[in-house]
Amino acid sequence: MGSLGWQELVIVLVIVIIIFGAGKLPEIGGALGKGIKEFKSQATDESPAEPIASTTTRSTRRDEPKVVETREMRADEI
């Protein structure tokens, strides 16, 4: 896969200007630069990432009584 030449970059820039307009380009460039900077800082960060809390886990309260079902065995079940 080859690299992009200056002609391809000009074509991409013209398409971006048509889609977003010239007024939005500085805003888009700033957001893109901020995103790249944040990504690089997170990639070089040596501290472990925070675990993501699962939404499917149910928290249990300690003061809730646990219910244990017991049943008597009959003599023919032994």
Protein backbone atom coordinates (compact mmCIF):
# COMPACT_ATOMS: atom_id res chain seq x y z
CA MET A 1 0.00 0.00 0.00
CA GLY A 2 1.57 3.25 -1.12
CA SER A 3 1.73 6.54 0.72
CA LEU A 4 -0.44 9.51 -0.17
CA GLY A 5 1.12 12.04 -2.52
CA TRP A 6 0.44 15.76 -2.53
CA GLN A 7 -2.27 15.38 -5.19
CA GLU A 8 -4.25 12.95 -3.08
CA LEU A 9 -3.90 15.16 -0.02
CA VAL A 10 -5.22 18.17 -1.97
CA ILE A 11 -8.21 16.14 -3.15
CA VAL A 12 -8.96 15.00 0.41
CA LEU A 13 -8.65 18.60 1.68
CA VAL A 14 -11.05 19.88 -1.00
CA ILE A 15 -13.59 17.18 -0.11
CA VAL A 16 -13.30 18.05 3.60
CA ILE A 17 -13.82 21.75 2.84
CA ILE A 18 -16.89 20.93 0.75
CA ILE A 19 -18.38 18.73 3.47
CA PHE A 20 -17.62 20.80 6.57
CA GLY A 21 -17.05 24.29 5.19
CA ALA A 22 -14.01 26.50 5.65
CA GLY A 23 -15.28 27.96 8.93
CA LYS A 24 -15.32 24.61 10.71
CA LEU A 25 -11.80 23.52 9.69
CA PRO A 26 -9.95 25.15 12.63
CA GLU A 27 -12.47 23.63 15.06
CA ILE A 28 -12.10 20.17 13.52
CA GLY A 29 -8.31 20.45 13.42
CA GLY A 30 -8.17 21.50 17.07
CA ALA A 31 -10.38 18.61 18.14
CA LEU A 32 -8.31 16.17 16.09
CA GLY A 33 -5.05 17.49 17.56
CA LYS A 34 -6.42 17.31 21.10
CA GLY A 35 -7.57 13.74 20.52
CA ILE A 36 -4.17 12.67 19.18
CA LYS A 37 -2.40 14.37 22.10
CA GLU A 38 -4.67 12.64 24.63
CA PHE A 39 -4.19 9.29 22.91
CA LYS A 40 -0.41 9.63 23.01
CA SER A 41 -0.43 10.63 26.68
CA GLN A 42 -2.61 7.63 27.56
CA ALA A 43 -0.44 5.29 25.49
CA THR A 44 2.73 6.33 27.32
CA ASP A 45 1.09 6.35 30.76
CA GLU A 46 2.57 3.56 32.87
CA SER A 47 -0.12 3.46 35.54
CA PRO A 48 -2.67 0.66 35.17
CA ALA A 49 -6.00 1.58 33.68
CA GLU A 50 -9.02 1.81 35.93
CA PRO A 51 -11.29 -1.21 35.69
CA ILE A 52 -14.57 -0.58 33.96
CA ALA A 53 -17.54 -1.30 36.19
CA SER A 54 -19.93 -3.80 34.76
CA THR A 55 -23.57 -2.80 34.57
CA THR A 56 -24.73 -6.37 34.98
CA THR A 57 -23.36 -6.89 38.48
CA ARG A 58 -25.74 -6.42 41.36
CA SER A 59 -24.48 -4.91 44.54
CA THR A 60 -25.43 -6.80 47.66
CA ARG A 61 -26.04 -5.20 50.98
CA ARG A 62 -24.35 -6.70 54.00
CA ASP A 63 -27.39 -6.28 56.22
CA GLU A 64 -29.61 -8.41 53.96
CA PRO A 65 -30.19 -11.86 55.43
CA LYS A 66 -29.14 -14.76 53.26
CA VAL A 67 -31.86 -17.27 52.61
CA VAL A 68 -30.77 -20.89 52.68
CA GLU A 69 -33.29 -23.48 51.61
CA THR A 70 -33.22 -26.76 53.46
CA ARG A 71 -35.39 -29.77 53.05
CA GLU A 72 -35.67 -32.97 54.93
CA MET A 73 -34.65 -36.18 53.21
CA ARG A 74 -36.97 -39.09 53.21
CA ALA A 75 -35.78 -42.55 54.17
CA ASP A 76 -36.18 -43.89 50.61
CA GLU A 77 -33.90 -41.11 49.22
CA ILE A 78 -30.87 -42.19 51.22
